Amino acid sequence: MRRLSDNHKIPREAQSYIIDSTGAPVCALLPFSTWAVFFAGLFYAEAGIPELGYGSAIDTFYHIIPFTFYAIAAVIIVPLFAYGLIPKWGRMRKAYQRVNETGQVYFDSRLAAAE
């Protein structure tokens, strides 16, 4: 993976963002992950949730998936970022500028201290 992303001049900061912003949200949305069982147990243990009448704990989890706004937004935003449809700003823009100017895909604190 490192060679592929280095050949395409993708900064490590962007890789970190993509991995971090999709890992947990995808797991939270998939009904066949261990996260689903964990969340189902948490939701079902709350007062009033069994009275909603959705059935079992996992059935309740299926019904709350459309309300996991952060996870849904992350799964939409990350591909838009990766394809360049969302502009890079702040430190991410600086990371892309560094790659374009120097070809260095990772931040080297030794070089930054020398500047």
PDB file of N, CA and C in Angstrom:
ATOM      1  N   MET A   1       0.821  -1.181   0.000  1.00  0.00           N
ATOM      2  CA  MET A   1       0.000   0.000   0.000  1.00  0.00           C
ATOM      3  C   MET A   1       0.874   1.258   0.000  1.00  0.00           C
ATOM      4  N   ARG A   2       1.974   1.195   0.730  1.00  0.00           N
ATOM      5  CA  ARG A   2       2.844   2.360   0.815  1.00  0.00           C
ATOM      6  C   ARG A   2       3.420   2.714  -0.548  1.00  0.00           C
ATOM      7  N   ARG A   3       3.870   1.726  -1.294  1.00  0.00           N
ATOM      8  CA  ARG A   3       4.436   2.010  -2.625  1.00  0.00           C
ATOM      9  C   ARG A   3       3.404   2.616  -3.553  1.00  0.00           C
ATOM     10  N   LEU A   4       2.210   2.077  -3.519  1.00  0.00           N
ATOM     11  CA  LEU A   4       1.142   2.581  -4.379  1.00  0.00           C
ATOM     12  C   LEU A   4       0.825   4.036  -4.059  1.00  0.00           C
ATOM     13  N   SER A   5       0.646   4.336  -2.786  1.00  0.00           N
ATOM     14  CA  SER A   5       0.319   5.721  -2.426  1.00  0.00           C
ATOM     15  C   SER A   5       1.510   6.651  -2.641  1.00  0.00           C
ATOM     16  N   ASP A   6       2.730   6.165  -2.429  1.00  0.00           N
ATOM     17  CA  ASP A   6       3.902   7.002  -2.694  1.00  0.00           C
ATOM     18  C   ASP A   6       4.049   7.295  -4.183  1.00  0.00           C
ATOM     19  N   ASN A   7       3.767   6.312  -5.022  1.00  0.00           N
ATOM     20  CA  ASN A   7       3.842   6.526  -6.474  1.00  0.00           C
ATOM     21  C   ASN A   7       2.805   7.550  -6.949  1.00  0.00           C
ATOM     22  N   HIS A   8       1.666   7.596  -6.276  1.00  0.00           N
ATOM     23  CA  HIS A   8       0.611   8.546  -6.643  1.00  0.00           C
ATOM     24  C   HIS A   8       0.735   9.857  -5.878  1.00  0.00           C
ATOM     25  N   LYS A   9       1.805  10.013  -5.107  1.00  0.00           N
ATOM     26  CA  LYS A   9       2.089  11.253  -4.372  1.00  0.00           C
ATOM     27  C   LYS A   9       0.944  11.655  -3.444  1.00  0.00           C
ATOM     28  N   ILE A  10       0.509  10.706  -2.633  1.00  0.00           N
ATOM     29  CA  ILE A  10      -0.532  10.964  -1.647  1.00  0.00           C
ATOM     30  C   ILE A  10       0.145  11.177  -0.291  1.00  0.00           C
ATOM     31  N   PRO A  11      -0.063  12.336   0.339  1.00  0.00           N
ATOM     32  CA  PRO A  11       0.577  12.590   1.629  1.00  0.00           C
ATOM     33  C   PRO A  11       0.098  11.612   2.702  1.00  0.00           C
ATOM     34  N   ARG A  12       0.982  11.320   3.619  1.00  0.00           N
ATOM     35  CA  ARG A  12       0.621  10.413   4.715  1.00  0.00           C
ATOM     36  C   ARG A  12      -0.505  10.998   5.563  1.00  0.00           C
ATOM     37  N   GLU A  13      -0.579  12.316   5.640  1.00  0.00           N
ATOM     38  CA  GLU A  13      -1.663  12.940   6.390  1.00  0.00           C
ATOM     39  C   GLU A  13      -3.021  12.596   5.777  1.00  0.00           C
ATOM     40  N   ALA A  14      -3.079  12.566   4.449  1.00  0.00           N
ATOM     41  CA  ALA A  14      -4.330  12.215   3.774  1.00  0.00           C
ATOM     42  C   ALA A  14      -4.672  10.751   4.011  1.00  0.00           C
ATOM     43  N   GLN A  15      -3.675   9.892   3.972  1.00  0.00           N
ATOM     44  CA  GLN A  15      -3.914   8.473   4.256  1.00  0.00           C
ATOM     45  C   GLN A  15      -4.454   8.303   5.667  1.00  0.00           C
ATOM     46  N   SER A  16      -3.850   9.003   6.601  1.00  0.00           N
ATOM     47  CA  SER A  16      -4.289   8.920   7.990  1.00  0.00           C
ATOM     48  C   SER A  16      -5.737   9.369   8.138  1.00  0.00           C
ATOM     49  N   TYR A  17      -6.070  10.472   7.494  1.00  0.00           N
ATOM     50  CA  TYR A  17      -7.446  10.974   7.561  1.00  0.00           C
ATOM     51  C   TYR A  17      -8.431   9.958   6.984  1.00  0.00           C
ATOM     52  N   ILE A  18      -8.103   9.404   5.838  1.00  0.00           N
ATOM     53  CA  ILE A  18      -9.008   8.460   5.181  1.00  0.00           C
ATOM     54  C   ILE A  18      -9.218   7.217   6.027  1.00  0.00           C
ATOM     55  N   ILE A  19      -8.148   6.662   6.553  1.00  0.00           N
ATOM     56  CA  ILE A  19      -8.259   5.450   7.361  1.00  0.00           C
ATOM     57  C   ILE A  19      -9.005   5.734   8.665  1.00  0.00           C
ATOM     58  N   ASP A  20      -8.645   6.824   9.332  1.00  0.00           N
ATOM     59  CA  ASP A  20      -9.260   7.147  10.611  1.00  0.00           C
ATOM     60  C   ASP A  20     -10.732   7.511  10.466  1.00  0.00           C
ATOM     61  N   SER A  21     -11.082   8.178   9.388  1.00  0.00           N
ATOM     62  CA  SER A  21     -12.454   8.650   9.215  1.00  0.00           C
ATOM     63  C   SER A  21     -13.383   7.624   8.589  1.00  0.00           C
ATOM     64  N   THR A  22     -12.867   6.504   8.168  1.00  0.00           N
ATOM     65  CA  THR A  22     -13.758   5.472   7.635  1.00  0.00           C
ATOM     66  C   THR A  22     -13.790   4.211   8.481  1.00  0.00           C
ATOM     67  N   GLY A  23     -12.760   3.960   9.258  1.00  0.00           N
ATOM     68  CA  GLY A  23     -12.690   2.718  10.034  1.00  0.00           C
ATOM     69  C   GLY A  23     -13.885   2.512  10.947  1.00  0.00           C
ATOM     70  N   ALA A  24     -14.037   3.373  11.921  1.00  0.00           N
ATOM     71  CA  ALA A  24     -15.123   3.229  12.891  1.00  0.00           C
ATOM     72  C   ALA A  24     -16.501   3.476  12.274  1.00  0.00           C
ATOM     73  N   PRO A  25     -16.678   4.515  11.439  1.00  0.00           N
ATOM     74  CA  PRO A  25     -18.015   4.717  10.864  1.00  0.00           C
ATOM     75  C   PRO A  25     -18.520   3.541  10.028  1.00  0.00           C
ATOM     76  N   VAL A  26     -17.651   2.936   9.260  1.00  0.00           N
ATOM     77  CA  VAL A  26     -18.088   1.784   8.458  1.00  0.00           C
ATOM     78  C   VAL A  26     -18.492   0.637   9.379  1.00  0.00           C
ATOM     79  N   CYS A  27     -17.689   0.401  10.409  1.00  0.00           N
ATOM     80  CA  CYS A  27     -18.032  -0.664  11.363  1.00  0.00           C
ATOM     81  C   CYS A  27     -19.349  -0.370  12.074  1.00  0.00           C
ATOM     82  N   ALA A  28     -19.603   0.893  12.367  1.00  0.00           N
ATOM     83  CA  ALA A  28     -20.841   1.262  13.056  1.00  0.00           C
ATOM     84  C   ALA A  28     -22.068   1.093  12.160  1.00  0.00           C
ATOM     85  N   LEU A  29     -21.882   1.159  10.841  1.00  0.00           N
ATOM     86  CA  LEU A  29     -23.011   1.028   9.915  1.00  0.00           C
ATOM     87  C   LEU A  29     -23.301  -0.405   9.499  1.00  0.00           C
ATOM     88  N   LEU A  30     -22.294  -1.260   9.536  1.00  0.00           N
ATOM     89  CA  LEU A  30     -22.480  -2.628   9.064  1.00  0.00           C
ATOM     90  C   LEU A  30     -23.218  -3.468  10.105  1.00  0.00           C
ATOM     91  N   PRO A  31     -24.351  -4.041   9.736  1.00  0.00           N
ATOM     92  CA  PRO A  31     -25.117  -4.812  10.715  1.00  0.00           C
ATOM     93  C   PRO A  31     -24.518  -6.179  11.036  1.00  0.00           C
ATOM     94  N   PHE A  32     -23.477  -6.598  10.324  1.00  0.00           N
ATOM     95  CA  PHE A  32     -22.880  -7.910  10.596  1.00  0.00           C
ATOM     96  C   PHE A  32     -21.503  -7.787  11.248  1.00  0.00           C
ATOM     97  N   SER A  33     -21.228  -6.635  11.860  1.00  0.00           N
ATOM     98  CA  SER A  33     -19.959  -6.455  12.557  1.00  0.00           C
ATOM     99  C   SER A  33     -20.170  -6.661  14.054  1.00  0.00           C
ATOM    100  N   THR A  34     -19.078  -6.809  14.764  1.00  0.00           N
ATOM    101  CA  THR A  34     -19.182  -6.934  16.222  1.00  0.00           C
ATOM    102  C   THR A  34     -19.657  -5.629  16.842  1.00  0.00           C
ATOM    103  N   TRP A  35     -19.412  -4.521  16.147  1.00  0.00           N
ATOM    104  CA  TRP A  35     -19.910  -3.236  16.639  1.00  0.00           C
ATOM    105  C   TRP A  35     -21.433  -3.242  16.694  1.00  0.00           C
ATOM    106  N   ALA A  36     -22.066  -3.883  15.732  1.00  0.00           N
ATOM    107  CA  ALA A  36     -23.534  -3.940  15.714  1.00  0.00           C
ATOM    108  C   ALA A  36     -24.050  -4.633  16.964  1.00  0.00           C
ATOM    109  N   VAL A  37     -23.419  -5.718  17.332  1.00  0.00           N
ATOM    110  CA  VAL A  37     -23.842  -6.445  18.529  1.00  0.00           C
ATOM    111  C   VAL A  37     -23.613  -5.578  19.767  1.00  0.00           C
ATOM    112  N   PHE A  38     -22.461  -4.910  19.828  1.00  0.00           N
ATOM    113  CA  PHE A  38     -22.146  -4.044  20.964  1.00  0.00           C
ATOM    114  C   PHE A  38     -23.157  -2.902  21.074  1.00  0.00           C
ATOM    115  N   PHE A  39     -23.385  -2.185  19.968  1.00  0.00           N
ATOM    116  CA  PHE A  39     -24.326  -1.072  19.989  1.00  0.00           C
ATOM    117  C   PHE A  39     -25.748  -1.542  20.270  1.00  0.00           C
ATOM    118  N   ALA A  40     -26.116  -2.675  19.704  1.00  0.00           N
ATOM    119  CA  ALA A  40     -27.457  -3.202  19.945  1.00  0.00           C
ATOM    120  C   ALA A  40     -27.666  -3.455  21.429  1.00  0.00           C
ATOM    121  N   GLY A  41     -26.654  -4.025  22.069  1.00  0.00           N
ATOM    122  CA  GLY A  41     -26.755  -4.269  23.502  1.00  0.00           C
ATOM    123  C   GLY A  41     -26.857  -2.979  24.303  1.00  0.00           C
ATOM    124  N   LEU A  42     -26.089  -1.966  23.903  1.00  0.00           N
ATOM    125  CA  LEU A  42     -26.148  -0.673  24.604  1.00  0.00           C
ATOM    126  C   LEU A  42     -27.518  -0.022  24.449  1.00  0.00           C
ATOM    127  N   PHE A  43     -28.012   0.037  23.226  1.00  0.00           N
ATOM    128  CA  PHE A  43     -29.292   0.690  22.983  1.00  0.00           C
ATOM    129  C   PHE A  43     -30.422  -0.029  23.695  1.00  0.00           C
ATOM    130  N   TYR A  44     -30.416  -1.340  23.609  1.00  0.00           N
ATOM    131  CA  TYR A  44     -31.517  -2.115  24.156  1.00  0.00           C
ATOM    132  C   TYR A  44     -31.542  -2.049  25.675  1.00  0.00           C
ATOM    133  N   ALA A  45     -30.422  -1.782  26.299  1.00  0.00           N
ATOM    134  CA  ALA A  45     -30.359  -1.699  27.759  1.00  0.00           C
ATOM    135  C   ALA A  45     -30.906  -0.368  28.278  1.00  0.00           C
ATOM    136  N   GLU A  46     -31.065   0.620  27.397  1.00  0.00           N
ATOM    137  CA  GLU A  46     -31.580   1.919  27.819  1.00  0.00           C
ATOM    138  C   GLU A  46     -33.076   1.835  28.115  1.00  0.00           C
ATOM    139  N   ALA A  47     -33.475   2.581  29.106  1.00  0.00           N
ATOM    140  CA  ALA A  47     -34.888   2.598  29.497  1.00  0.00           C
ATOM    141  C   ALA A  47     -35.749   3.118  28.355  1.00  0.00           C
ATOM    142  N   GLY A  48     -36.822   2.426  28.084  1.00  0.00           N
ATOM    143  CA  GLY A  48     -37.771   2.855  27.070  1.00  0.00           C
ATOM    144  C   GLY A  48     -37.520   2.302  25.680  1.00  0.00           C
ATOM    145  N   ILE A  49     -36.324   1.830  25.399  1.00  0.00           N
ATOM    146  CA  ILE A  49     -36.019   1.335  24.052  1.00  0.00           C
ATOM    147  C   ILE A  49     -36.776   0.041  23.739  1.00  0.00           C
ATOM    148  N   PRO A  50     -36.803  -0.961  24.637  1.00  0.00           N
ATOM    149  CA  PRO A  50     -37.574  -2.176  24.311  1.00  0.00           C
ATOM    150  C   PRO A  50     -39.060  -1.883  24.086  1.00  0.00           C
ATOM    151  N   GLU A  51     -39.571  -0.822  24.752  1.00  0.00           N
ATOM    152  CA  GLU A  51     -40.980  -0.485  24.607  1.00  0.00           C
ATOM    153  C   GLU A  51     -41.316   0.106  23.235  1.00  0.00           C
ATOM    154  N   LEU A  52     -40.307   0.474  22.456  1.00  0.00           N
ATOM    155  CA  LEU A  52     -40.565   0.988  21.113  1.00  0.00           C
ATOM    156  C   LEU A  52     -41.168  -0.081  20.211  1.00  0.00           C
ATOM    157  N   GLY A  53     -40.929  -1.331  20.558  1.00  0.00           N
ATOM    158  CA  GLY A  53     -41.564  -2.424  19.835  1.00  0.00           C
ATOM    159  C   GLY A  53     -40.850  -2.859  18.575  1.00  0.00           C
ATOM    160  N   TYR A  54     -39.537  -2.596  18.468  1.00  0.00           N
ATOM    161  CA  TYR A  54     -38.805  -3.026  17.279  1.00  0.00           C
ATOM    162  C   TYR A  54     -38.423  -4.501  17.335  1.00  0.00           C
ATOM    163  N   GLY A  55     -38.614  -5.132  18.457  1.00  0.00           N
ATOM    164  CA  GLY A  55     -38.263  -6.538  18.582  1.00  0.00           C
ATOM    165  C   GLY A  55     -36.990  -6.714  19.377  1.00  0.00           C
ATOM    166  N   SER A  56     -36.107  -7.529  18.860  1.00  0.00           N
ATOM    167  CA  SER A  56     -34.865  -7.839  19.572  1.00  0.00           C
ATOM    168  C   SER A  56     -33.903  -6.657  19.549  1.00  0.00           C
ATOM    169  N   ALA A  57     -32.800  -6.808  20.258  1.00  0.00           N
ATOM    170  CA  ALA A  57     -31.788  -5.755  20.302  1.00  0.00           C
ATOM    171  C   ALA A  57     -31.213  -5.489  18.912  1.00  0.00           C
ATOM    172  N   ILE A  58     -30.946  -6.535  18.147  1.00  0.00           N
ATOM    173  CA  ILE A  58     -30.361  -6.341  16.814  1.00  0.00           C
ATOM    174  C   ILE A  58     -31.385  -5.725  15.863  1.00  0.00           C
ATOM    175  N   ASP A  59     -32.656  -6.062  16.014  1.00  0.00           N
ATOM    176  CA  ASP A  59     -33.690  -5.414  15.203  1.00  0.00           C
ATOM    177  C   ASP A  59     -33.767  -3.919  15.521  1.00  0.00           C
ATOM    178  N   THR A  60     -33.589  -3.578  16.783  1.00  0.00           N
ATOM    179  CA  THR A  60     -33.551  -2.170  17.179  1.00  0.00           C
ATOM    180  C   THR A  60     -32.368  -1.478  16.522  1.00  0.00           C
ATOM    181  N   PHE A  61     -31.214  -2.149  16.475  1.00  0.00           N
ATOM    182  CA  PHE A  61     -30.036  -1.579  15.824  1.00  0.00           C
ATOM    183  C   PHE A  61     -30.317  -1.306  14.350  1.00  0.00           C
ATOM    184  N   TYR A  62     -30.982  -2.236  13.667  1.00  0.00           N
ATOM    185  CA  TYR A  62     -31.307  -2.022  12.250  1.00  0.00           C
ATOM    186  C   TYR A  62     -32.135  -0.752  12.062  1.00  0.00           C
ATOM    187  N   HIS A  63     -33.009  -0.473  13.007  1.00  0.00           N
ATOM    188  CA  HIS A  63     -33.870   0.700  12.889  1.00  0.00           C
ATOM    189  C   HIS A  63     -33.145   2.016  13.184  1.00  0.00           C
ATOM    190  N   ILE A  64     -32.038   1.964  13.926  1.00  0.00           N
ATOM    191  CA  ILE A  64     -31.347   3.216  14.235  1.00  0.00           C
ATOM    192  C   ILE A  64     -30.247   3.544  13.219  1.00  0.00           C
ATOM    193  N   ILE A  65     -29.921   2.646  12.317  1.00  0.00           N
ATOM    194  CA  ILE A  65     -28.865   2.905  11.322  1.00  0.00           C
ATOM    195  C   ILE A  65     -29.097   4.219  10.562  1.00  0.00           C
ATOM    196  N   PRO A  66     -30.312   4.534  10.113  1.00  0.00           N
ATOM    197  CA  PRO A  66     -30.495   5.802   9.398  1.00  0.00           C
ATOM    198  C   PRO A  66     -30.224   7.045  10.244  1.00  0.00           C
ATOM    199  N   PHE A  67     -30.120   6.881  11.560  1.00  0.00           N
ATOM    200  CA  PHE A  67     -29.895   8.019  12.442  1.00  0.00           C
ATOM    201  C   PHE A  67     -28.442   8.142  12.907  1.00  0.00           C
ATOM    202  N   THR A  68     -27.565   7.358  12.346  1.00  0.00           N
ATOM    203  CA  THR A  68     -26.142   7.469  12.673  1.00  0.00           C
ATOM    204  C   THR A  68     -25.535   8.488  11.709  1.00  0.00           C
ATOM    205  N   PHE A  69     -25.842   9.739  11.970  1.00  0.00           N
ATOM    206  CA  PHE A  69     -25.507  10.820  11.041  1.00  0.00           C
ATOM    207  C   PHE A  69     -24.011  10.973  10.803  1.00  0.00           C
ATOM    208  N   TYR A  70     -23.211  10.906  11.865  1.00  0.00           N
ATOM    209  CA  TYR A  70     -21.768  11.079  11.677  1.00  0.00           C
ATOM    210  C   TYR A  70     -21.206   9.982  10.784  1.00  0.00           C
ATOM    211  N   ALA A  71     -21.588   8.745  11.034  1.00  0.00           N
ATOM    212  CA  ALA A  71     -21.063   7.633  10.241  1.00  0.00           C
ATOM    213  C   ALA A  71     -21.464   7.774   8.780  1.00  0.00           C
ATOM    214  N   ILE A  72     -22.696   8.136   8.533  1.00  0.00           N
ATOM    215  CA  ILE A  72     -23.163   8.309   7.153  1.00  0.00           C
ATOM    216  C   ILE A  72     -22.430   9.470   6.488  1.00  0.00           C
ATOM    217  N   ALA A  73     -22.289  10.580   7.206  1.00  0.00           N
ATOM    218  CA  ALA A  73     -21.591  11.741   6.639  1.00  0.00           C
ATOM    219  C   ALA A  73     -20.139  11.399   6.331  1.00  0.00           C
ATOM    220  N   ALA A  74     -19.471  10.689   7.220  1.00  0.00           N
ATOM    221  CA  ALA A  74     -18.065  10.323   6.992  1.00  0.00           C
ATOM    222  C   ALA A  74     -17.922   9.431   5.775  1.00  0.00           C
ATOM    223  N   VAL A  75     -18.822   8.480   5.615  1.00  0.00           N
ATOM    224  CA  VAL A  75     -18.749   7.562   4.475  1.00  0.00           C
ATOM    225  C   VAL A  75     -19.008   8.309   3.164  1.00  0.00           C
ATOM    226  N   ILE A  76     -19.719   9.397   3.206  1.00  0.00           N
ATOM    227  CA  ILE A  76     -19.956  10.219   2.005  1.00  0.00           C
ATOM    228  C   ILE A  76     -18.803  11.193   1.771  1.00  0.00           C
ATOM    229  N   ILE A  77     -18.339  11.854   2.822  1.00  0.00           N
ATOM    230  CA  ILE A  77     -17.338  12.911   2.690  1.00  0.00           C
ATOM    231  C   ILE A  77     -15.959  12.377   2.324  1.00  0.00           C
ATOM    232  N   VAL A  78     -15.561  11.249   2.888  1.00  0.00           N
ATOM    233  CA  VAL A  78     -14.206  10.743   2.635  1.00  0.00           C
ATOM    234  C   VAL A  78     -13.965  10.443   1.154  1.00  0.00           C
ATOM    235  N   PRO A  79     -14.851   9.763   0.441  1.00  0.00           N
ATOM    236  CA  PRO A  79     -14.598   9.576  -0.994  1.00  0.00           C
ATOM    237  C   PRO A  79     -14.578  10.894  -1.769  1.00  0.00           C
ATOM    238  N   LEU A  80     -15.423  11.845  -1.382  1.00  0.00           N
ATOM    239  CA  LEU A  80     -15.405  13.154  -2.040  1.00  0.00           C
ATOM    240  C   LEU A  80     -14.055  13.834  -1.823  1.00  0.00           C
ATOM    241  N   PHE A  81     -13.499  13.705  -0.625  1.00  0.00           N
ATOM    242  CA  PHE A  81     -12.175  14.239  -0.334  1.00  0.00           C
ATOM    243  C   PHE A  81     -11.116  13.526  -1.163  1.00  0.00           C
ATOM    244  N   ALA A  82     -11.206  12.202  -1.202  1.00  0.00           N
ATOM    245  CA  ALA A  82     -10.198  11.414  -1.916  1.00  0.00           C
ATOM    246  C   ALA A  82     -10.187  11.725  -3.413  1.00  0.00           C
ATOM    247  N   TYR A  83     -11.340  11.968  -3.994  1.00  0.00           N
ATOM    248  CA  TYR A  83     -11.415  12.278  -5.421  1.00  0.00           C
ATOM    249  C   TYR A  83     -11.163  13.755  -5.725  1.00  0.00           C
ATOM    250  N   GLY A  84     -10.948  14.556  -4.689  1.00  0.00           N
ATOM    251  CA  GLY A  84     -10.644  15.967  -4.893  1.00  0.00           C
ATOM    252  C   GLY A  84     -11.853  16.853  -5.092  1.00  0.00           C
ATOM    253  N   LEU A  85     -13.048  16.353  -4.808  1.00  0.00           N
ATOM    254  CA  LEU A  85     -14.253  17.155  -4.963  1.00  0.00           C
ATOM    255  C   LEU A  85     -14.471  18.092  -3.782  1.00  0.00           C
ATOM    256  N   ILE A  86     -13.826  17.794  -2.671  1.00  0.00           N
ATOM    257  CA  ILE A  86     -13.837  18.683  -1.511  1.00  0.00           C
ATOM    258  C   ILE A  86     -12.454  19.306  -1.434  1.00  0.00           C
ATOM    259  N   PRO A  87     -12.371  20.623  -1.377  1.00  0.00           N
ATOM    260  CA  PRO A  87     -11.054  21.265  -1.372  1.00  0.00           C
ATOM    261  C   PRO A  87     -10.275  20.971  -0.093  1.00  0.00           C
ATOM    262  N   LYS A  88      -8.965  20.940  -0.240  1.00  0.00           N
ATOM    263  CA  LYS A  88      -8.085  20.752   0.906  1.00  0.00           C
ATOM    264  C   LYS A  88      -7.767  22.129   1.474  1.00  0.00           C
ATOM    265  N   TRP A  89      -7.796  22.261   2.789  1.00  0.00           N
ATOM    266  CA  TRP A  89      -7.438  23.518   3.414  1.00  0.00           C
ATOM    267  C   TRP A  89      -6.646  23.247   4.686  1.00  0.00           C
ATOM    268  N   GLY A  90      -6.052  24.284   5.212  1.00  0.00           N
ATOM    269  CA  GLY A  90      -5.267  24.164   6.436  1.00  0.00           C
ATOM    270  C   GLY A  90      -4.039  23.287   6.259  1.00  0.00           C
ATOM    271  N   ARG A  91      -3.800  22.452   7.221  1.00  0.00           N
ATOM    272  CA  ARG A  91      -2.612  21.602   7.197  1.00  0.00           C
ATOM    273  C   ARG A  91      -2.656  20.556   6.075  1.00  0.00           C
ATOM    274  N   MET A  92      -3.848  20.157   5.694  1.00  0.00           N
ATOM    275  CA  MET A  92      -3.940  19.186   4.598  1.00  0.00           C
ATOM    276  C   MET A  92      -3.477  19.830   3.302  1.00  0.00           C
ATOM    277  N   ARG A  93      -3.841  21.083   3.089  1.00  0.00           N
ATOM    278  CA  ARG A  93      -3.379  21.790   1.891  1.00  0.00           C
ATOM    279  C   ARG A  93      -1.862  21.945   1.919  1.00  0.00           C
ATOM    280  N   LYS A  94      -1.314  22.246   3.084  1.00  0.00           N
ATOM    281  CA  LYS A  94       0.137  22.350   3.219  1.00  0.00           C
ATOM    282  C   LYS A  94       0.808  21.017   2.920  1.00  0.00           C
ATOM    283  N   ALA A  95       0.180  19.918   3.330  1.00  0.00           N
ATOM    284  CA  ALA A  95       0.744  18.598   3.054  1.00  0.00           C
ATOM    285  C   ALA A  95       0.782  18.330   1.552  1.00  0.00           C
ATOM    286  N   TYR A  96      -0.296  18.668   0.855  1.00  0.00           N
ATOM    287  CA  TYR A  96      -0.317  18.480  -0.602  1.00  0.00           C
ATOM    288  C   TYR A  96       0.679  19.407  -1.295  1.00  0.00           C
ATOM    289  N   GLN A  97       0.840  20.631  -0.775  1.00  0.00           N
ATOM    290  CA  GLN A  97       1.837  21.546  -1.344  1.00  0.00           C
ATOM    291  C   GLN A  97       3.246  20.982  -1.144  1.00  0.00           C
ATOM    292  N   ARG A  98       3.502  20.412   0.030  1.00  0.00           N
ATOM    293  CA  ARG A  98       4.806  19.821   0.298  1.00  0.00           C
ATOM    294  C   ARG A  98       5.108  18.700  -0.689  1.00  0.00           C
ATOM    295  N   VAL A  99       4.125  17.860  -0.951  1.00  0.00           N
ATOM    296  CA  VAL A  99       4.315  16.755  -1.888  1.00  0.00           C
ATOM    297  C   VAL A  99       4.557  17.292  -3.297  1.00  0.00           C
ATOM    298  N   ASN A 100       3.809  18.302  -3.707  1.00  0.00           N
ATOM    299  CA  ASN A 100       3.989  18.868  -5.051  1.00  0.00           C
ATOM    300  C   ASN A 100       5.336  19.546  -5.214  1.00  0.00           C
ATOM    301  N   GLU A 101       5.798  20.212  -4.161  1.00  0.00           N
ATOM    302  CA  GLU A 101       7.051  20.959  -4.256  1.00  0.00           C
ATOM    303  C   GLU A 101       8.286  20.099  -4.031  1.00  0.00           C
ATOM    304  N   THR A 102       8.222  19.178  -3.081  1.00  0.00           N
ATOM    305  CA  THR A 102       9.418  18.409  -2.711  1.00  0.00           C
ATOM    306  C   THR A 102       9.332  16.932  -3.070  1.00  0.00           C
ATOM    307  N   GLY A 103       8.115  16.427  -3.275  1.00  0.00           N
ATOM    308  CA  GLY A 103       7.948  15.003  -3.526  1.00  0.00           C
ATOM    309  C   GLY A 103       7.950  14.170  -2.253  1.00  0.00           C
ATOM    310  N   GLN A 104       8.084  14.824  -1.119  1.00  0.00           N
ATOM    311  CA  GLN A 104       8.137  14.131   0.169  1.00  0.00           C
ATOM    312  C   GLN A 104       6.710  13.890   0.662  1.00  0.00           C
ATOM    313  N   VAL A 105       6.330  12.615   0.799  1.00  0.00           N
ATOM    314  CA  VAL A 105       4.958  12.279   1.162  1.00  0.00           C
ATOM    315  C   VAL A 105       4.710  12.261   2.660  1.00  0.00           C
ATOM    316  N   TYR A 106       5.733  12.364   3.449  1.00  0.00           N
ATOM    317  CA  TYR A 106       5.570  12.365   4.902  1.00  0.00           C
ATOM    318  C   TYR A 106       6.203  13.620   5.487  1.00  0.00           C
ATOM    319  N   PHE A 107       5.695  14.018   6.635  1.00  0.00           N
ATOM    320  CA  PHE A 107       6.199  15.199   7.317  1.00  0.00           C
ATOM    321  C   PHE A 107       7.461  14.813   8.093  1.00  0.00           C
ATOM    322  N   ASP A 108       8.513  15.542   7.878  1.00  0.00           N
ATOM    323  CA  ASP A 108       9.770  15.276   8.583  1.00  0.00           C
ATOM    324  C   ASP A 108      10.023  16.441   9.534  1.00  0.00           C
ATOM    325  N   SER A 109       9.860  16.194  10.824  1.00  0.00           N
ATOM    326  CA  SER A 109      10.009  17.252  11.802  1.00  0.00           C
ATOM    327  C   SER A 109      11.428  17.806  11.850  1.00  0.00           C
ATOM    328  N   ARG A 110      12.423  16.993  11.476  1.00  0.00           N
ATOM    329  CA  ARG A 110      13.800  17.479  11.462  1.00  0.00           C
ATOM    330  C   ARG A 110      13.968  18.565  10.413  1.00  0.00           C
ATOM    331  N   LEU A 111      13.334  18.384   9.253  1.00  0.00           N
ATOM    332  CA  LEU A 111      13.419  19.395   8.203  1.00  0.00           C
ATOM    333  C   LEU A 111      12.647  20.645   8.586  1.00  0.00           C
ATOM    334  N   ALA A 112      11.505  20.471   9.249  1.00  0.00           N
ATOM    335  CA  ALA A 112      10.698  21.617   9.656  1.00  0.00           C
ATOM    336  C   ALA A 112      11.426  22.432  10.715  1.00  0.00           C
ATOM    337  N   ALA A 113      12.171  21.792  11.602  1.00  0.00           N
ATOM    338  CA  ALA A 113      12.912  22.502  12.646  1.00  0.00           C
ATOM    339  C   ALA A 113      14.076  23.299  12.052  1.00  0.00           C
ATOM    340  N   ALA A 114      14.620  22.823  10.946  1.00  0.00           N
ATOM    341  CA  ALA A 114      15.751  23.499  10.316  1.00  0.00           C
ATOM    342  C   ALA A 114      15.322  24.756   9.570  1.00  0.00           C
ATOM    343  N   GLU A 115      14.061  24.845   9.222  1.00  0.00           N
ATOM    344  CA  GLU A 115      13.565  25.995   8.454  1.00  0.00           C
ATOM    345  C   GLU A 115      13.387  27.222   9.282  1.00  0.00           C
TER     346      GLU A 115
END
